Amino acid sequence: QTQPSAMQGRVLNGTTGRPVPNAEVSYVRMTQGPTPVAQATTDGEGRFQLQGVPAAPGPVLLRVDYQGATYSHPVLPGSPTNAIEIQVFDASPDPALRSVKEQAIFLHPAGDSLTVLEQIIIQNESSPPRAYVNPQGTYLFTLPRAARDGVRVTVTGPGGMPIGQTPTPRDRENSFAVSYPIRPGETQFRIEYALDYQSPHDLQQATIFQ
C-alpha cells in the first residue's frame, strides 16, 4: 500500500479547543529522513490540504511547529487521510508540569563493555493541558561516568512513534539535555550507552533525571 496523493485535515489547540490558523504543516517520509517533501498552511479555521504528495511505501509524519514545540502526527498506510486532526498545545516553561512515572534499567555485560539501557516514562497531567517546552532542555540527565561511544536517545510521544533525538552536552561532566516537548499524557525516553566494564562491577546509579 502507498499513501494517496492528497491529504486534508485540521490543526486544533488542545489547551483552548480552538482551531490554529496560519500553522505550517509539513509532510515527511520516514524512509527519507526528516526533510519535508510537501508543506501547507492552515486557513482561518485551522484547515489544511496537501495536494499531490508523493507516494510512500511506509508511514509518513505530518509535523506542525507551534510555540517552540514540534508536533508529529503519524499517518500509517491505509489509514484515513481526508479528516486528519493534529493537536497542539499552549507551551509552558514550568518543569512542574512533568514527573517521572516509571523507570526501568537493563544491564548487559559483554567482555570489557557494559551496555546500559534505560526506559523512562514521563507523565504530564497538566490542567488545562499544556506542553512543557524549554529550549535549555526538557529532560536533563547525568551518566554515572563517561560513555564509551556516545549516548543514543529515542523518544516516543503520546500516541506517536519512536523518534531519535540528539542529546546536547551540558557544562556538568557527563551531563546532557534533550529538548523534546513533553506533551500532555505519557512520553517515553529510551537512553542507551556503554561503559567500561570489569568484573566484579558496582554500578551504584545509572542516569540521574533532573
Protein backbone atom coordinates (compact mmCIF):
# COMPACT_ATOMS: atom_id res chain seq x y z
CA GLN A 1 0.00 0.00 0.00
CA THR A 2 1.05 3.58 -0.67
CA GLN A 3 -0.11 6.92 0.57
CA PRO A 4 -2.78 8.67 -1.54
CA SER A 5 -1.95 11.86 -3.46
CA ALA A 6 -3.99 14.17 -1.23
CA MET A 7 -4.34 14.75 2.49
CA GLN A 8 -6.55 17.15 4.38
CA GLY A 9 -7.35 17.86 7.99
CA ARG A 10 -7.31 20.39 10.77
CA VAL A 11 -4.90 21.69 13.42
CA LEU A 12 -6.55 22.26 16.81
CA ASN A 13 -5.23 23.74 20.06
CA GLY A 14 -5.78 21.11 22.77
CA THR A 15 -5.46 23.75 25.51
CA THR A 16 -8.16 26.12 24.23
CA GLY A 17 -10.14 23.82 21.94
CA ARG A 18 -9.80 26.40 19.13
CA PRO A 19 -8.51 25.94 15.58
CA VAL A 20 -4.96 27.12 14.83
CA PRO A 21 -4.71 29.43 11.78
CA ASN A 22 -1.51 30.09 9.81
CA ALA A 23 0.19 26.92 11.07
CA GLU A 24 2.63 25.23 8.69
CA VAL A 25 2.01 21.51 8.17
CA SER A 26 4.93 19.52 6.75
CA TYR A 27 4.74 16.10 5.09
CA VAL A 28 7.77 13.93 5.92
CA ARG A 29 8.53 10.46 4.56
CA MET A 30 10.11 8.42 7.36
CA THR A 31 12.21 6.39 4.92
CA GLN A 32 13.98 9.51 3.62
CA GLY A 33 14.94 11.34 6.79
CA PRO A 34 13.43 14.41 8.43
CA THR A 35 13.32 16.69 5.35
CA PRO A 36 9.76 17.69 4.35
CA VAL A 37 8.69 16.86 0.80
CA ALA A 38 5.46 18.90 0.89
CA GLN A 39 4.01 21.71 3.00
CA ALA A 40 0.72 23.51 3.55
CA THR A 41 -0.52 26.39 5.72
CA THR A 42 -3.77 26.23 7.70
CA ASP A 43 -6.59 28.67 6.94
CA GLY A 44 -8.58 30.71 9.45
CA GLU A 45 -10.40 27.56 10.62
CA GLY A 46 -7.19 25.60 11.08
CA ARG A 47 -7.83 23.50 7.98
CA PHE A 48 -5.07 22.34 5.63
CA GLN A 49 -4.82 20.42 2.38
CA LEU A 50 -1.78 18.72 0.87
CA GLN A 51 -2.18 18.07 -2.83
CA GLY A 52 -0.08 15.79 -4.98
CA VAL A 53 2.05 14.43 -2.15
CA PRO A 54 4.44 11.70 -3.38
CA ALA A 55 3.55 8.10 -2.68
CA ALA A 56 5.33 6.45 0.24
CA PRO A 57 5.67 2.68 0.88
CA GLY A 58 5.70 3.16 4.66
CA PRO A 59 4.49 5.56 7.34
CA VAL A 60 4.80 9.31 7.00
CA LEU A 61 4.73 12.11 9.53
CA LEU A 62 2.76 15.33 9.44
CA ARG A 63 4.65 17.91 11.51
CA VAL A 64 3.49 21.20 12.96
CA ASP A 65 5.67 23.75 14.79
CA TYR A 66 3.77 25.68 17.48
CA GLN A 67 5.09 27.92 20.26
CA GLY A 68 8.56 26.43 20.11
CA ALA A 69 7.46 22.79 20.02
CA THR A 70 7.26 20.36 17.09
CA TYR A 71 4.22 18.07 17.00
CA SER A 72 4.38 14.92 14.88
CA HIS A 73 1.29 13.07 13.67
CA PRO A 74 1.97 9.64 12.11
CA VAL A 75 -0.07 8.56 9.09
CA LEU A 76 0.11 4.82 8.51
CA PRO A 77 -0.56 3.08 5.18
CA GLY A 78 -4.28 2.51 4.74
CA SER A 79 -5.38 4.98 7.42
CA PRO A 80 -7.92 7.75 6.57
CA THR A 81 -6.36 10.85 5.05
CA ASN A 82 -9.38 13.11 4.49
CA ALA A 83 -10.13 14.16 8.09
CA ILE A 84 -6.78 14.22 9.92
CA GLU A 85 -6.76 16.04 13.26
CA ILE A 86 -3.42 17.30 14.58
CA GLN A 87 -3.46 18.54 18.15
CA VAL A 88 -1.05 21.13 19.54
CA PHE A 89 -0.91 22.76 22.97
CA ASP A 90 -0.02 26.06 24.57
CA ALA A 91 3.58 25.96 25.74
CA SER A 92 4.76 26.43 29.33
CA PRO A 93 8.33 26.57 30.74
CA ASP A 94 7.16 25.24 34.13
CA PRO A 95 9.05 21.97 34.90
CA ALA A 96 6.38 21.06 37.45
CA LEU A 97 4.19 20.01 34.52
CA ARG A 98 6.08 16.73 34.21
CA SER A 99 7.09 13.96 36.57
CA VAL A 100 8.68 10.50 36.32
CA LYS A 101 6.02 7.79 36.32
CA GLU A 102 8.23 4.76 35.70
CA GLN A 103 11.91 3.94 35.20
CA ALA A 104 13.47 0.63 34.17
CA ILE A 105 17.18 -0.14 33.81
CA PHE A 106 18.64 -3.06 31.85
CA LEU A 107 22.33 -4.03 32.04
CA HIS A 108 24.20 -6.25 29.58
CA PRO A 109 27.89 -7.00 30.27
CA ALA A 110 29.97 -8.31 27.36
CA GLY A 111 33.75 -8.53 27.57
CA ASP A 112 35.10 -5.18 28.75
CA SER A 113 31.86 -3.30 27.96
CA LEU A 114 28.65 -2.81 29.95
CA THR A 115 25.64 -1.75 27.90
CA VAL A 116 23.10 0.28 29.88
CA LEU A 117 19.55 0.67 28.55
CA GLU A 118 17.08 2.85 30.41
CA GLN A 119 13.42 3.41 29.70
CA ILE A 120 11.81 6.34 31.49
CA ILE A 121 8.14 7.27 31.25
CA ILE A 122 7.46 10.97 31.86
CA GLN A 123 3.90 11.99 32.70
CA ASN A 124 2.24 15.33 32.04
CA GLU A 125 -1.13 15.70 33.77
CA SER A 126 -1.43 19.48 33.45
CA SER A 127 -4.91 21.01 33.62
CA PRO A 128 -5.72 22.74 31.37
CA PRO A 129 -3.43 20.60 29.21
CA ARG A 130 -0.19 22.35 28.25
CA ALA A 131 3.14 21.21 26.82
CA TYR A 132 6.35 21.63 28.79
CA VAL A 133 8.76 23.42 26.45
CA ASN A 134 12.24 24.61 27.38
CA PRO A 135 14.99 25.32 24.82
CA GLN A 136 17.58 24.59 27.53
CA GLY A 137 16.22 21.04 27.80
CA THR A 138 13.01 19.38 28.94
CA TYR A 139 14.85 16.21 30.00
CA LEU A 140 18.24 16.63 31.70
CA PHE A 141 20.31 13.63 32.76
CA THR A 142 23.78 12.76 34.02
CA LEU A 143 25.61 9.49 33.40
CA PRO A 144 27.49 7.70 36.21
CA ARG A 145 30.70 8.24 34.20
CA ALA A 146 31.86 8.76 30.62
CA ALA A 147 30.16 6.69 27.93
CA ARG A 148 32.40 4.74 25.54
CA ASP A 149 30.69 5.53 22.25
CA GLY A 150 28.28 8.37 22.96
CA VAL A 151 24.66 8.31 24.10
CA ARG A 152 21.67 7.29 21.97
CA VAL A 153 18.26 8.74 22.83
CA THR A 154 14.88 7.80 21.35
CA VAL A 155 11.63 9.48 22.38
CA THR A 156 8.08 8.26 21.86
CA GLY A 157 5.39 10.86 22.48
CA PRO A 158 1.74 10.17 23.35
CA GLY A 159 0.27 8.04 20.57
CA GLY A 160 3.36 8.61 18.42
CA MET A 161 6.24 6.62 17.01
CA PRO A 162 9.87 6.47 18.22
CA ILE A 163 11.93 9.46 17.05
CA GLY A 164 15.69 9.72 17.52
CA GLN A 165 16.99 12.72 19.47
CA THR A 166 20.48 14.21 19.69
CA PRO A 167 21.39 14.89 23.35
CA THR A 168 23.20 18.19 23.92
CA PRO A 169 26.23 18.16 26.28
CA ARG A 170 25.89 20.46 29.30
CA ASP A 171 28.52 22.22 31.44
CA ARG A 172 28.49 19.43 34.02
CA GLU A 173 30.66 16.41 33.26
CA ASN A 174 28.81 13.54 31.54
CA SER A 175 25.59 15.58 31.65
CA PHE A 176 23.19 16.03 28.72
CA ALA A 177 19.94 17.74 27.77
CA VAL A 178 17.13 16.70 25.43
CA SER A 179 14.71 19.42 24.30
CA TYR A 180 11.79 17.24 23.19
CA PRO A 181 8.48 18.91 24.26
CA ILE A 182 6.64 16.98 26.99
CA ARG A 183 3.05 16.91 25.79
CA PRO A 184 0.02 16.01 27.94
CA GLY A 185 -0.07 12.25 28.51
CA GLU A 186 2.90 9.91 28.67
CA THR A 187 6.24 10.33 26.89
CA GLN A 188 8.83 7.55 26.89
CA PHE A 189 12.56 8.26 26.78
CA ARG A 190 14.90 5.42 25.82
CA ILE A 191 18.56 6.07 26.69
CA GLU A 192 21.34 3.67 25.68
CA TYR A 193 25.09 3.87 26.25
CA ALA A 194 28.10 1.68 27.08
CA LEU A 195 30.58 1.92 29.96
CA ASP A 196 33.98 0.38 30.56
CA TYR A 197 33.44 -2.86 32.42
CA GLN A 198 35.47 -5.19 34.61
CA SER A 199 34.04 -7.95 36.79
CA PRO A 200 33.09 -7.56 39.58
CA HIS A 201 31.37 -4.26 38.82
CA ASP A 202 29.42 -1.96 41.12
CA LEU A 203 27.05 0.38 39.28
CA GLN A 204 25.71 2.49 42.12
CA GLN A 205 23.41 4.51 39.92
CA ALA A 206 22.54 4.91 36.30
CA THR A 207 21.38 8.17 34.77
CA ILE A 208 20.07 10.87 37.10
CA PHE A 209 16.91 12.67 36.00
CA GLN A 210 16.77 16.43 36.67
